[in-house]
Structures are given as structure tokens and as C-alpha cells.
């Protein structure tokens, strides 16, 4: 039996035999969202709160969220990549800032020992 067939059979068993499901484990499984969405009454909310694919379910059920577990969920953050790009130094600005003479006293902490050889090979 091929892996695709086993996967389909497993999904059929899980979707149709909900008596034998370990909801604590399934609730934290990112690949089980479609099953969890249909069985909100059986969800383990602690596990779901750590599930990176469950943010949309958690947003609709804030009273059931386990806040400690949610704080460990890396999908709670939305990155604004355009803003990040706009606020970061470009390479030339960064080099001008870091190697400005006013920062010379910090170079030792940066482990820059030989300033004459610093740009060799660039």
C-alpha cells in the first residue's frame, strides 16, 4: 500500500471514528486544523493555543485561549516586511555608522584589532 493511500485511510479513520481520537494530541497538530474546526467542542484549548495553524480559531474563542501556551506560538506575530526594510540601514549606511571615528573606542569590544587589514579581501 502506497504512502498516499495510507494517508487517505488514516484521515478517513480520524474523520469518521472520533471516539478513538486523542484530542489533547490532535489539538496541537498543525495538520489537523480541518478536523478541529469541525469539532470545536472536543478541542484541548491548551494544545490548540500552541498550534501555529490555529490562530484563526483562537481569535474567535479568546475566552478559551491558554495565554501561556499562546505566548510560545510563533504565529502570533505578523511581520511588516516593507516597514522592516524601510527602517533598516542599508549596507553603506551601516558601515559608515559603525566605522565612524566616534566609534573607534568600541572597536576593541567588537574584536576589531587590526584596522589596517580590516578591508583586505573585500
PDB file of N, CA and C in Angstrom:
ATOM      1  N   UNK A   1       0.851  -1.173   0.000  1.00  0.00           N
ATOM      2  CA  UNK A   1       0.000   0.000   0.000  1.00  0.00           C
ATOM      3  C   UNK A   1       0.897   1.236   0.000  1.00  0.00           C
ATOM      4  N   UNK A   2       0.628   2.185  -0.900  1.00  0.00           N
ATOM      5  CA  UNK A   2       1.434   3.390  -1.026  1.00  0.00           C
ATOM      6  C   UNK A   2       1.212   4.355   0.130  1.00  0.00           C
ATOM      7  N   UNK A   3       2.147   5.272   0.286  1.00  0.00           N
ATOM      8  CA  UNK A   3       2.071   6.245   1.375  1.00  0.00           C
ATOM      9  C   UNK A   3       0.842   7.136   1.219  1.00  0.00           C
ATOM     10  N   UNK A   4       0.493   7.486  -0.025  1.00  0.00           N
ATOM     11  CA  UNK A   4      -0.684   8.327  -0.266  1.00  0.00           C
ATOM     12  C   UNK A   4      -1.951   7.602   0.182  1.00  0.00           C
ATOM     13  N   UNK A   5      -2.037   6.300  -0.094  1.00  0.00           N
ATOM     14  CA  UNK A   5      -3.207   5.505   0.309  1.00  0.00           C
ATOM     15  C   UNK A   5      -3.304   5.410   1.825  1.00  0.00           C
ATOM     16  N   UNK A   6      -2.169   5.226   2.491  1.00  0.00           N
ATOM     17  CA  UNK A   6      -2.162   5.160   3.954  1.00  0.00           C
ATOM     18  C   UNK A   6      -2.619   6.476   4.562  1.00  0.00           C
ATOM     19  N   UNK A   7      -2.174   7.578   3.975  1.00  0.00           N
ATOM     20  CA  UNK A   7      -2.557   8.884   4.476  1.00  0.00           C
ATOM     21  C   UNK A   7      -4.068   9.097   4.336  1.00  0.00           C
ATOM     22  N   UNK A   8      -4.631   8.701   3.179  1.00  0.00           N
ATOM     23  CA  UNK A   8      -6.072   8.836   2.966  1.00  0.00           C
ATOM     24  C   UNK A   8      -6.850   7.954   3.933  1.00  0.00           C
ATOM     25  N   UNK A   9      -6.358   6.734   4.163  1.00  0.00           N
ATOM     26  CA  UNK A   9      -7.028   5.822   5.081  1.00  0.00           C
ATOM     27  C   UNK A   9      -6.968   6.371   6.509  1.00  0.00           C
ATOM     28  N   UNK A  10      -5.834   6.910   6.899  1.00  0.00           N
ATOM     29  CA  UNK A  10      -5.679   7.485   8.228  1.00  0.00           C
ATOM     30  C   UNK A  10      -6.653   8.650   8.425  1.00  0.00           C
ATOM     31  N   UNK A  11      -6.739   9.538   7.425  1.00  0.00           N
ATOM     32  CA  UNK A  11      -7.653  10.668   7.516  1.00  0.00           C
ATOM     33  C   UNK A  11      -9.105  10.200   7.602  1.00  0.00           C
ATOM     34  N   UNK A  12      -9.456   9.162   6.846  1.00  0.00           N
ATOM     35  CA  UNK A  12     -10.818   8.623   6.895  1.00  0.00           C
ATOM     36  C   UNK A  12     -11.135   8.098   8.294  1.00  0.00           C
ATOM     37  N   UNK A  13     -10.197   7.367   8.869  1.00  0.00           N
ATOM     38  CA  UNK A  13     -10.405   6.802  10.212  1.00  0.00           C
ATOM     39  C   UNK A  13     -10.576   7.924  11.231  1.00  0.00           C
ATOM     40  N   UNK A  14      -9.702   8.916  11.159  1.00  0.00           N
ATOM     41  CA  UNK A  14      -9.781  10.030  12.114  1.00  0.00           C
ATOM     42  C   UNK A  14     -11.086  10.800  11.951  1.00  0.00           C
ATOM     43  N   UNK A  15     -11.470  11.068  10.712  1.00  0.00           N
ATOM     44  CA  UNK A  15     -12.659  11.880  10.468  1.00  0.00           C
ATOM     45  C   UNK A  15     -13.951  11.145  10.812  1.00  0.00           C
ATOM     46  N   UNK A  16     -13.944   9.834  10.748  1.00  0.00           N
ATOM     47  CA  UNK A  16     -15.169   9.075  10.956  1.00  0.00           C
ATOM     48  C   UNK A  16     -15.213   8.287  12.259  1.00  0.00           C
ATOM     49  N   UNK A  17     -14.108   8.198  12.953  1.00  0.00           N
ATOM     50  CA  UNK A  17     -14.053   7.411  14.184  1.00  0.00           C
ATOM     51  C   UNK A  17     -13.593   8.290  15.339  1.00  0.00           C
ATOM     52  N   UNK A  18     -14.322   9.363  15.580  1.00  0.00           N
ATOM     53  CA  UNK A  18     -13.860  10.361  16.534  1.00  0.00           C
ATOM     54  C   UNK A  18     -13.845   9.872  17.978  1.00  0.00           C
ATOM     55  N   UNK A  19     -14.372   8.712  18.242  1.00  0.00           N
ATOM     56  CA  UNK A  19     -14.364   8.161  19.593  1.00  0.00           C
ATOM     57  C   UNK A  19     -12.933   7.839  20.039  1.00  0.00           C
ATOM     58  N   UNK A  20     -12.084   7.439  19.113  1.00  0.00           N
ATOM     59  CA  UNK A  20     -10.735   6.982  19.442  1.00  0.00           C
ATOM     60  C   UNK A  20      -9.659   8.048  19.291  1.00  0.00           C
ATOM     61  N   UNK A  21     -10.049   9.260  19.065  1.00  0.00           N
ATOM     62  CA  UNK A  21      -9.075  10.337  18.862  1.00  0.00           C
ATOM     63  C   UNK A  21      -8.563  10.857  20.204  1.00  0.00           C
ATOM     64  N   UNK A  22      -7.263  11.057  20.275  1.00  0.00           N
ATOM     65  CA  UNK A  22      -6.644  11.714  21.422  1.00  0.00           C
ATOM     66  C   UNK A  22      -6.670  13.210  21.126  1.00  0.00           C
ATOM     67  N   UNK A  23      -7.683  13.897  21.627  1.00  0.00           N
ATOM     68  CA  UNK A  23      -7.889  15.306  21.305  1.00  0.00           C
ATOM     69  C   UNK A  23      -6.796  16.197  21.874  1.00  0.00           C
ATOM     70  N   UNK A  24      -6.160  15.795  22.963  1.00  0.00           N
ATOM     71  CA  UNK A  24      -5.054  16.580  23.523  1.00  0.00           C
ATOM     72  C   UNK A  24      -3.921  16.678  22.501  1.00  0.00           C
ATOM     73  N   UNK A  25      -3.588  15.540  21.914  1.00  0.00           N
ATOM     74  CA  UNK A  25      -2.501  15.497  20.934  1.00  0.00           C
ATOM     75  C   UNK A  25      -2.922  16.117  19.614  1.00  0.00           C
ATOM     76  N   UNK A  26      -4.115  15.782  19.158  1.00  0.00           N
ATOM     77  CA  UNK A  26      -4.587  16.285  17.867  1.00  0.00           C
ATOM     78  C   UNK A  26      -4.720  17.805  17.870  1.00  0.00           C
ATOM     79  N   UNK A  27      -5.095  18.375  18.986  1.00  0.00           N
ATOM     80  CA  UNK A  27      -5.300  19.823  19.060  1.00  0.00           C
ATOM     81  C   UNK A  27      -4.020  20.607  18.804  1.00  0.00           C
ATOM     82  N   UNK A  28      -2.883  20.033  19.093  1.00  0.00           N
ATOM     83  CA  UNK A  28      -1.619  20.729  18.851  1.00  0.00           C
ATOM     84  C   UNK A  28      -1.004  20.375  17.493  1.00  0.00           C
ATOM     85  N   UNK A  29      -1.689  19.538  16.714  1.00  0.00           N
ATOM     86  CA  UNK A  29      -1.172  19.109  15.409  1.00  0.00           C
ATOM     87  C   UNK A  29      -1.540  20.136  14.335  1.00  0.00           C
ATOM     88  N   UNK A  30      -0.555  20.812  13.736  1.00  0.00           N
ATOM     89  CA  UNK A  30      -0.836  21.826  12.716  1.00  0.00           C
ATOM     90  C   UNK A  30      -1.544  21.271  11.482  1.00  0.00           C
ATOM     91  N   UNK A  31      -1.410  19.984  11.218  1.00  0.00           N
ATOM     92  CA  UNK A  31      -2.026  19.387  10.035  1.00  0.00           C
ATOM     93  C   UNK A  31      -3.454  18.923  10.271  1.00  0.00           C
ATOM     94  N   UNK A  32      -3.988  19.123  11.459  1.00  0.00           N
ATOM     95  CA  UNK A  32      -5.324  18.630  11.794  1.00  0.00           C
ATOM     96  C   UNK A  32      -6.365  19.737  11.894  1.00  0.00           C
ATOM     97  N   UNK A  33      -6.056  20.903  11.407  1.00  0.00           N
ATOM     98  CA  UNK A  33      -6.946  22.050  11.570  1.00  0.00           C
ATOM     99  C   UNK A  33      -8.331  21.785  11.003  1.00  0.00           C
ATOM    100  N   UNK A  34      -8.411  21.165   9.834  1.00  0.00           N
ATOM    101  CA  UNK A  34      -9.729  20.934   9.227  1.00  0.00           C
ATOM    102  C   UNK A  34     -10.601  20.007  10.081  1.00  0.00           C
ATOM    103  N   UNK A  35      -9.996  19.107  10.817  1.00  0.00           N
ATOM    104  CA  UNK A  35     -10.744  18.218  11.720  1.00  0.00           C
ATOM    105  C   UNK A  35     -11.159  18.994  12.980  1.00  0.00           C
ATOM    106  N   UNK A  36     -10.237  19.783  13.494  1.00  0.00           N
ATOM    107  CA  UNK A  36     -10.508  20.563  14.706  1.00  0.00           C
ATOM    108  C   UNK A  36     -11.611  21.592  14.485  1.00  0.00           C
ATOM    109  N   UNK A  37     -11.626  22.203  13.308  1.00  0.00           N
ATOM    110  CA  UNK A  37     -12.653  23.208  13.000  1.00  0.00           C
ATOM    111  C   UNK A  37     -14.063  22.615  13.070  1.00  0.00           C
ATOM    112  N   UNK A  38     -14.180  21.340  12.763  1.00  0.00           N
ATOM    113  CA  UNK A  38     -15.487  20.665  12.769  1.00  0.00           C
ATOM    114  C   UNK A  38     -15.849  20.089  14.137  1.00  0.00           C
ATOM    115  N   UNK A  39     -14.912  20.138  15.090  1.00  0.00           N
ATOM    116  CA  UNK A  39     -15.121  19.527  16.407  1.00  0.00           C
ATOM    117  C   UNK A  39     -14.658  20.455  17.522  1.00  0.00           C
ATOM    118  N   UNK A  40     -15.113  21.694  17.502  1.00  0.00           N
ATOM    119  CA  UNK A  40     -14.675  22.682  18.484  1.00  0.00           C
ATOM    120  C   UNK A  40     -14.994  22.266  19.919  1.00  0.00           C
ATOM    121  N   UNK A  41     -16.021  21.475  20.095  1.00  0.00           N
ATOM    122  CA  UNK A  41     -16.413  21.046  21.441  1.00  0.00           C
ATOM    123  C   UNK A  41     -15.469  20.001  22.032  1.00  0.00           C
ATOM    124  N   UNK A  42     -14.599  19.422  21.220  1.00  0.00           N
ATOM    125  CA  UNK A  42     -13.686  18.382  21.696  1.00  0.00           C
ATOM    126  C   UNK A  42     -12.235  18.856  21.802  1.00  0.00           C
ATOM    127  N   UNK A  43     -11.992  20.071  21.408  1.00  0.00           N
ATOM    128  CA  UNK A  43     -10.626  20.610  21.369  1.00  0.00           C
ATOM    129  C   UNK A  43     -10.040  20.742  22.764  1.00  0.00           C
ATOM    130  N   UNK A  44      -8.749  20.439  22.867  1.00  0.00           N
ATOM    131  CA  UNK A  44      -7.959  20.748  24.061  1.00  0.00           C
ATOM    132  C   UNK A  44      -7.369  22.132  23.800  1.00  0.00           C
ATOM    133  N   UNK A  45      -7.879  23.150  24.468  1.00  0.00           N
ATOM    134  CA  UNK A  45      -7.522  24.531  24.182  1.00  0.00           C
ATOM    135  C   UNK A  45      -6.084  24.861  24.544  1.00  0.00           C
ATOM    136  N   UNK A  46      -5.515  24.134  25.479  1.00  0.00           N
ATOM    137  CA  UNK A  46      -4.098  24.337  25.805  1.00  0.00           C
ATOM    138  C   UNK A  46      -3.244  23.938  24.606  1.00  0.00           C
ATOM    139  N   UNK A  47      -3.531  22.756  24.046  1.00  0.00           N
ATOM    140  CA  UNK A  47      -2.796  22.291  22.868  1.00  0.00           C
ATOM    141  C   UNK A  47      -3.041  23.172  21.660  1.00  0.00           C
ATOM    142  N   UNK A  48      -4.292  23.581  21.476  1.00  0.00           N
ATOM    143  CA  UNK A  48      -4.625  24.418  20.329  1.00  0.00           C
ATOM    144  C   UNK A  48      -3.923  25.772  20.421  1.00  0.00           C
ATOM    145  N   UNK A  49      -3.763  26.284  21.618  1.00  0.00           N
ATOM    146  CA  UNK A  49      -3.115  27.583  21.798  1.00  0.00           C
ATOM    147  C   UNK A  49      -1.664  27.571  21.337  1.00  0.00           C
ATOM    148  N   UNK A  50      -1.044  26.409  21.310  1.00  0.00           N
ATOM    149  CA  UNK A  50       0.337  26.307  20.825  1.00  0.00           C
ATOM    150  C   UNK A  50       0.405  25.908  19.353  1.00  0.00           C
ATOM    151  N   UNK A  51      -0.747  25.664  18.738  1.00  0.00           N
ATOM    152  CA  UNK A  51      -0.804  25.211  17.347  1.00  0.00           C
ATOM    153  C   UNK A  51      -0.625  26.408  16.407  1.00  0.00           C
ATOM    154  N   UNK A  52       0.446  26.426  15.609  1.00  0.00           N
ATOM    155  CA  UNK A  52       0.721  27.583  14.756  1.00  0.00           C
ATOM    156  C   UNK A  52      -0.323  27.801  13.664  1.00  0.00           C
ATOM    157  N   UNK A  53      -1.087  26.794  13.301  1.00  0.00           N
ATOM    158  CA  UNK A  53      -2.095  26.940  12.250  1.00  0.00           C
ATOM    159  C   UNK A  53      -3.487  27.237  12.793  1.00  0.00           C
ATOM    160  N   UNK A  54      -3.606  27.464  14.086  1.00  0.00           N
ATOM    161  CA  UNK A  54      -4.918  27.632  14.708  1.00  0.00           C
ATOM    162  C   UNK A  54      -5.238  29.067  15.101  1.00  0.00           C
ATOM    163  N   UNK A  55      -4.474  30.020  14.657  1.00  0.00           N
ATOM    164  CA  UNK A  55      -4.667  31.405  15.079  1.00  0.00           C
ATOM    165  C   UNK A  55      -6.093  31.878  14.783  1.00  0.00           C
ATOM    166  N   UNK A  56      -6.616  31.527  13.618  1.00  0.00           N
ATOM    167  CA  UNK A  56      -7.962  31.984  13.260  1.00  0.00           C
ATOM    168  C   UNK A  56      -9.038  31.405  14.183  1.00  0.00           C
ATOM    169  N   UNK A  57      -8.838  30.194  14.688  1.00  0.00           N
ATOM    170  CA  UNK A  57      -9.783  29.594  15.641  1.00  0.00           C
ATOM    171  C   UNK A  57      -9.648  30.281  17.001  1.00  0.00           C
ATOM    172  N   UNK A  58      -8.427  30.515  17.412  1.00  0.00           N
ATOM    173  CA  UNK A  58      -8.172  31.153  18.708  1.00  0.00           C
ATOM    174  C   UNK A  58      -8.723  32.578  18.756  1.00  0.00           C
ATOM    175  N   UNK A  59      -8.606  33.302  17.649  1.00  0.00           N
ATOM    176  CA  UNK A  59      -9.117  34.671  17.602  1.00  0.00           C
ATOM    177  C   UNK A  59     -10.623  34.726  17.844  1.00  0.00           C
ATOM    178  N   UNK A  60     -11.330  33.678  17.445  1.00  0.00           N
ATOM    179  CA  UNK A  60     -12.789  33.624  17.617  1.00  0.00           C
ATOM    180  C   UNK A  60     -13.194  33.054  18.975  1.00  0.00           C
ATOM    181  N   UNK A  61     -12.233  32.566  19.755  1.00  0.00           N
ATOM    182  CA  UNK A  61     -12.514  31.925  21.045  1.00  0.00           C
ATOM    183  C   UNK A  61     -11.541  32.409  22.114  1.00  0.00           C
ATOM    184  N   UNK A  62     -11.406  33.701  22.252  1.00  0.00           N
ATOM    185  CA  UNK A  62     -10.430  34.285  23.180  1.00  0.00           C
ATOM    186  C   UNK A  62     -10.652  33.853  24.624  1.00  0.00           C
ATOM    187  N   UNK A  63     -11.883  33.549  24.980  1.00  0.00           N
ATOM    188  CA  UNK A  63     -12.174  33.132  26.352  1.00  0.00           C
ATOM    189  C   UNK A  63     -11.639  31.741  26.673  1.00  0.00           C
ATOM    190  N   UNK A  64     -11.247  30.981  25.648  1.00  0.00           N
ATOM    191  CA  UNK A  64     -10.742  29.619  25.852  1.00  0.00           C
ATOM    192  C   UNK A  64      -9.228  29.496  25.652  1.00  0.00           C
ATOM    193  N   UNK A  65      -8.600  30.569  25.257  1.00  0.00           N
ATOM    194  CA  UNK A  65      -7.165  30.557  24.950  1.00  0.00           C
ATOM    195  C   UNK A  65      -6.347  30.325  26.213  1.00  0.00           C
ATOM    196  N   UNK A  66      -5.328  29.489  26.106  1.00  0.00           N
ATOM    197  CA  UNK A  66      -4.346  29.323  27.172  1.00  0.00           C
ATOM    198  C   UNK A  66      -3.221  30.312  26.843  1.00  0.00           C
ATOM    199  N   UNK A  67      -3.180  31.414  27.574  1.00  0.00           N
ATOM    200  CA  UNK A  67      -2.292  32.518  27.227  1.00  0.00           C
ATOM    201  C   UNK A  67      -0.819  32.160  27.355  1.00  0.00           C
ATOM    202  N   UNK A  68      -0.495  31.289  28.277  1.00  0.00           N
ATOM    203  CA  UNK A  68       0.903  30.858  28.412  1.00  0.00           C
ATOM    204  C   UNK A  68       1.345  30.104  27.155  1.00  0.00           C
ATOM    205  N   UNK A  69       0.522  29.173  26.722  1.00  0.00           N
ATOM    206  CA  UNK A  69       0.865  28.408  25.512  1.00  0.00           C
ATOM    207  C   UNK A  69       0.852  29.301  24.273  1.00  0.00           C
ATOM    208  N   UNK A  70      -0.092  30.234  24.225  1.00  0.00           N
ATOM    209  CA  UNK A  70      -0.151  31.139  23.078  1.00  0.00           C
ATOM    210  C   UNK A  70       1.123  31.975  22.980  1.00  0.00           C
ATOM    211  N   UNK A  71       1.681  32.351  24.117  1.00  0.00           N
ATOM    212  CA  UNK A  71       2.903  33.163  24.099  1.00  0.00           C
ATOM    213  C   UNK A  71       4.079  32.401  23.497  1.00  0.00           C
ATOM    214  N   UNK A  72       3.985  31.083  23.411  1.00  0.00           N
ATOM    215  CA  UNK A  72       5.037  30.259  22.826  1.00  0.00           C
ATOM    216  C   UNK A  72       4.773  29.965  21.341  1.00  0.00           C
ATOM    217  N   UNK A  73       3.630  30.405  20.835  1.00  0.00           N
ATOM    218  CA  UNK A  73       3.212  30.141  19.462  1.00  0.00           C
ATOM    219  C   UNK A  73       3.839  31.193  18.542  1.00  0.00           C
ATOM    220  N   UNK A  74       4.718  30.764  17.645  1.00  0.00           N
ATOM    221  CA  UNK A  74       5.446  31.708  16.804  1.00  0.00           C
ATOM    222  C   UNK A  74       4.568  32.381  15.750  1.00  0.00           C
ATOM    223  N   UNK A  75       3.365  31.915  15.511  1.00  0.00           N
ATOM    224  CA  UNK A  75       2.496  32.537  14.509  1.00  0.00           C
ATOM    225  C   UNK A  75       1.633  33.662  15.076  1.00  0.00           C
ATOM    226  N   UNK A  76       1.867  34.049  16.315  1.00  0.00           N
ATOM    227  CA  UNK A  76       1.098  35.168  16.854  1.00  0.00           C
ATOM    228  C   UNK A  76       1.626  36.496  16.330  1.00  0.00           C
ATOM    229  N   UNK A  77       2.779  36.476  15.695  1.00  0.00           N
ATOM    230  CA  UNK A  77       3.379  37.693  15.171  1.00  0.00           C
ATOM    231  C   UNK A  77       3.123  37.823  13.678  1.00  0.00           C
ATOM    232  N   UNK A  78       2.804  39.035  13.260  1.00  0.00           N
ATOM    233  CA  UNK A  78       2.691  39.344  11.843  1.00  0.00           C
ATOM    234  C   UNK A  78       3.789  40.347  11.534  1.00  0.00           C
ATOM    235  N   UNK A  79       4.630  39.997  10.585  1.00  0.00           N
ATOM    236  CA  UNK A  79       5.760  40.853  10.245  1.00  0.00           C
ATOM    237  C   UNK A  79       5.392  41.783   9.090  1.00  0.00           C
ATOM    238  N   UNK A  80       5.723  43.038   9.245  1.00  0.00           N
ATOM    239  CA  UNK A  80       5.532  44.015   8.187  1.00  0.00           C
ATOM    240  C   UNK A  80       6.887  44.165   7.496  1.00  0.00           C
ATOM    241  N   UNK A  81       7.124  43.323   6.496  1.00  0.00           N
ATOM    242  CA  UNK A  81       8.434  43.274   5.856  1.00  0.00           C
ATOM    243  C   UNK A  81       8.785  44.576   5.140  1.00  0.00           C
ATOM    244  N   UNK A  82       7.783  45.269   4.612  1.00  0.00           N
ATOM    245  CA  UNK A  82       8.043  46.548   3.956  1.00  0.00           C
ATOM    246  C   UNK A  82       8.570  47.559   4.973  1.00  0.00           C
ATOM    247  N   UNK A  83       7.936  47.616   6.141  1.00  0.00           N
ATOM    248  CA  UNK A  83       8.375  48.544   7.190  1.00  0.00           C
ATOM    249  C   UNK A  83       9.758  48.157   7.726  1.00  0.00           C
ATOM    250  N   UNK A  84       9.996  46.868   7.873  1.00  0.00           N
ATOM    251  CA  UNK A  84      11.316  46.410   8.334  1.00  0.00           C
ATOM    252  C   UNK A  84      12.390  46.856   7.348  1.00  0.00           C
ATOM    253  N   UNK A  85      12.117  46.670   6.061  1.00  0.00           N
ATOM    254  CA  UNK A  85      13.086  47.070   5.032  1.00  0.00           C
ATOM    255  C   UNK A  85      13.320  48.575   5.058  1.00  0.00           C
ATOM    256  N   UNK A  86      12.251  49.348   5.267  1.00  0.00           N
ATOM    257  CA  UNK A  86      12.374  50.807   5.282  1.00  0.00           C
ATOM    258  C   UNK A  86      13.137  51.328   6.493  1.00  0.00           C
ATOM    259  N   UNK A  87      13.089  50.602   7.609  1.00  0.00           N
ATOM    260  CA  UNK A  87      13.726  51.098   8.819  1.00  0.00           C
ATOM    261  C   UNK A  87      15.141  50.570   9.035  1.00  0.00           C
ATOM    262  N   UNK A  88      15.541  49.568   8.305  1.00  0.00           N
ATOM    263  CA  UNK A  88      16.897  49.040   8.461  1.00  0.00           C
ATOM    264  C   UNK A  88      17.897  49.886   7.678  1.00  0.00           C
ATOM    265  N   UNK A  89      19.107  49.920   8.186  1.00  0.00           N
ATOM    266  CA  UNK A  89      20.169  50.602   7.467  1.00  0.00           C
ATOM    267  C   UNK A  89      20.474  49.833   6.194  1.00  0.00           C
ATOM    268  N   UNK A  90      20.838  50.559   5.147  1.00  0.00           N
ATOM    269  CA  UNK A  90      21.401  49.834   4.015  1.00  0.00           C
ATOM    270  C   UNK A  90      22.866  49.564   4.348  1.00  0.00           C
ATOM    271  N   UNK A  91      23.509  48.734   3.588  1.00  0.00           N
ATOM    272  CA  UNK A  91      24.871  48.278   3.914  1.00  0.00           C
ATOM    273  C   UNK A  91      25.862  49.438   4.038  1.00  0.00           C
ATOM    274  N   UNK A  92      25.796  50.395   3.128  1.00  0.00           N
ATOM    275  CA  UNK A  92      26.743  51.522   3.176  1.00  0.00           C
ATOM    276  C   UNK A  92      26.514  52.389   4.406  1.00  0.00           C
ATOM    277  N   UNK A  93      25.244  52.667   4.725  1.00  0.00           N
ATOM    278  CA  UNK A  93      24.942  53.472   5.915  1.00  0.00           C
ATOM    279  C   UNK A  93      25.408  52.767   7.182  1.00  0.00           C
ATOM    280  N   UNK A  94      25.207  51.468   7.232  1.00  0.00           N
ATOM    281  CA  UNK A  94      25.620  50.702   8.399  1.00  0.00           C
ATOM    282  C   UNK A  94      27.138  50.753   8.575  1.00  0.00           C
ATOM    283  N   UNK A  95      27.876  50.568   7.479  1.00  0.00           N
ATOM    284  CA  UNK A  95      29.338  50.605   7.562  1.00  0.00           C
ATOM    285  C   UNK A  95      29.822  52.004   7.973  1.00  0.00           C
ATOM    286  N   UNK A  96      29.199  53.047   7.410  1.00  0.00           N
ATOM    287  CA  UNK A  96      29.592  54.418   7.767  1.00  0.00           C
ATOM    288  C   UNK A  96      29.320  54.689   9.243  1.00  0.00           C
ATOM    289  N   UNK A  97      28.223  54.176   9.741  1.00  0.00           N
ATOM    290  CA  UNK A  97      27.870  54.393  11.138  1.00  0.00           C
ATOM    291  C   UNK A  97      28.806  53.634  12.071  1.00  0.00           C
ATOM    292  N   UNK A  98      29.001  52.367  11.831  1.00  0.00           N
ATOM    293  CA  UNK A  98      29.807  51.533  12.729  1.00  0.00           C
ATOM    294  C   UNK A  98      31.282  51.907  12.711  1.00  0.00           C
ATOM    295  N   UNK A  99      31.807  52.292  11.552  1.00  0.00           N
ATOM    296  CA  UNK A  99      33.231  52.586  11.458  1.00  0.00           C
ATOM    297  C   UNK A  99      33.523  54.086  11.467  1.00  0.00           C
ATOM    298  N   UNK A 100      32.571  54.857  11.946  1.00  0.00           N
ATOM    299  CA  UNK A 100      32.779  56.293  12.122  1.00  0.00           C
ATOM    300  C   UNK A 100      33.833  56.484  13.224  1.00  0.00           C
ATOM    301  N   UNK A 101      34.687  57.468  13.079  1.00  0.00           N
ATOM    302  CA  UNK A 101      35.737  57.691  14.095  1.00  0.00           C
ATOM    303  C   UNK A 101      35.201  57.813  15.522  1.00  0.00           C
ATOM    304  N   UNK A 102      33.973  58.273  15.691  1.00  0.00           N
ATOM    305  CA  UNK A 102      33.434  58.398  17.051  1.00  0.00           C
ATOM    306  C   UNK A 102      33.194  57.033  17.702  1.00  0.00           C
ATOM    307  N   UNK A 103      33.217  55.971  16.924  1.00  0.00           N
ATOM    308  CA  UNK A 103      33.031  54.621  17.460  1.00  0.00           C
ATOM    309  C   UNK A 103      34.336  53.854  17.647  1.00  0.00           C
ATOM    310  N   UNK A 104      35.470  54.475  17.398  1.00  0.00           N
ATOM    311  CA  UNK A 104      36.758  53.778  17.491  1.00  0.00           C
ATOM    312  C   UNK A 104      36.982  53.146  18.859  1.00  0.00           C
ATOM    313  N   UNK A 105      36.505  53.819  19.908  1.00  0.00           N
ATOM    314  CA  UNK A 105      36.720  53.281  21.255  1.00  0.00           C
ATOM    315  C   UNK A 105      35.929  51.986  21.479  1.00  0.00           C
ATOM    316  N   UNK A 106      34.965  51.687  20.635  1.00  0.00           N
ATOM    317  CA  UNK A 106      34.162  50.472  20.771  1.00  0.00           C
ATOM    318  C   UNK A 106      34.721  49.306  19.967  1.00  0.00           C
ATOM    319  N   UNK A 107      35.655  49.579  19.059  1.00  0.00           N
ATOM    320  CA  UNK A 107      36.138  48.548  18.159  1.00  0.00           C
ATOM    321  C   UNK A 107      36.769  47.375  18.891  1.00  0.00           C
ATOM    322  N   UNK A 108      37.429  47.632  19.994  1.00  0.00           N
ATOM    323  CA  UNK A 108      38.056  46.533  20.731  1.00  0.00           C
ATOM    324  C   UNK A 108      36.999  45.531  21.205  1.00  0.00           C
ATOM    325  N   UNK A 109      35.857  46.050  21.690  1.00  0.00           N
ATOM    326  CA  UNK A 109      34.766  45.162  22.118  1.00  0.00           C
ATOM    327  C   UNK A 109      34.180  44.381  20.952  1.00  0.00           C
ATOM    328  N   UNK A 110      34.308  44.930  19.759  1.00  0.00           N
ATOM    329  CA  UNK A 110      33.787  44.247  18.566  1.00  0.00           C
ATOM    330  C   UNK A 110      34.823  43.262  18.020  1.00  0.00           C
ATOM    331  N   UNK A 111      35.968  43.184  18.695  1.00  0.00           N
ATOM    332  CA  UNK A 111      37.083  42.320  18.319  1.00  0.00           C
ATOM    333  C   UNK A 111      37.717  42.735  16.993  1.00  0.00           C
ATOM    334  N   UNK A 112      37.678  44.039  16.700  1.00  0.00           N
ATOM    335  CA  UNK A 112      38.398  44.597  15.559  1.00  0.00           C
ATOM    336  C   UNK A 112      39.752  45.030  16.099  1.00  0.00           C
ATOM    337  N   UNK A 113      40.782  44.252  15.787  1.00  0.00           N
ATOM    338  CA  UNK A 113      42.100  44.501  16.367  1.00  0.00           C
ATOM    339  C   UNK A 113      43.010  45.212  15.382  1.00  0.00           C
ATOM    340  N   UNK A 114      42.993  44.770  14.121  1.00  0.00           N
ATOM    341  CA  UNK A 114      43.906  45.329  13.128  1.00  0.00           C
ATOM    342  C   UNK A 114      43.116  46.116  12.089  1.00  0.00           C
ATOM    343  N   UNK A 115      43.009  47.429  12.276  1.00  0.00           N
ATOM    344  CA  UNK A 115      42.227  48.272  11.367  1.00  0.00           C
ATOM    345  C   UNK A 115      42.839  48.327   9.983  1.00  0.00           C
ATOM    346  N   UNK A 116      44.169  48.185   9.878  1.00  0.00           N
ATOM    347  CA  UNK A 116      44.812  48.263   8.557  1.00  0.00           C
ATOM    348  C   UNK A 116      44.414  47.086   7.680  1.00  0.00           C
ATOM    349  N   UNK A 117      44.192  45.926   8.237  1.00  0.00           N
ATOM    350  CA  UNK A 117      43.859  44.740   7.435  1.00  0.00           C
ATOM    351  C   UNK A 117      42.371  44.444   7.364  1.00  0.00           C
ATOM    352  N   UNK A 118      41.552  45.347   7.886  1.00  0.00           N
ATOM    353  CA  UNK A 118      40.122  45.042   8.004  1.00  0.00           C
ATOM    354  C   UNK A 118      39.420  44.910   6.644  1.00  0.00           C
ATOM    355  N   UNK A 119      39.877  45.638   5.651  1.00  0.00           N
ATOM    356  CA  UNK A 119      39.170  45.603   4.370  1.00  0.00           C
ATOM    357  C   UNK A 119      39.864  44.728   3.326  1.00  0.00           C
ATOM    358  N   UNK A 120      40.878  43.990   3.733  1.00  0.00           N
ATOM    359  CA  UNK A 120      41.559  43.103   2.787  1.00  0.00           C
ATOM    360  C   UNK A 120      40.616  41.985   2.362  1.00  0.00           C
ATOM    361  N   UNK A 121      40.632  41.694   1.079  1.00  0.00           N
ATOM    362  CA  UNK A 121      39.834  40.602   0.560  1.00  0.00           C
ATOM    363  C   UNK A 121      38.386  40.962   0.268  1.00  0.00           C
ATOM    364  N   UNK A 122      38.023  42.232   0.468  1.00  0.00           N
ATOM    365  CA  UNK A 122      36.626  42.641   0.200  1.00  0.00           C
ATOM    366  C   UNK A 122      36.515  43.121  -1.231  1.00  0.00           C
TER     367      UNK A 122
END
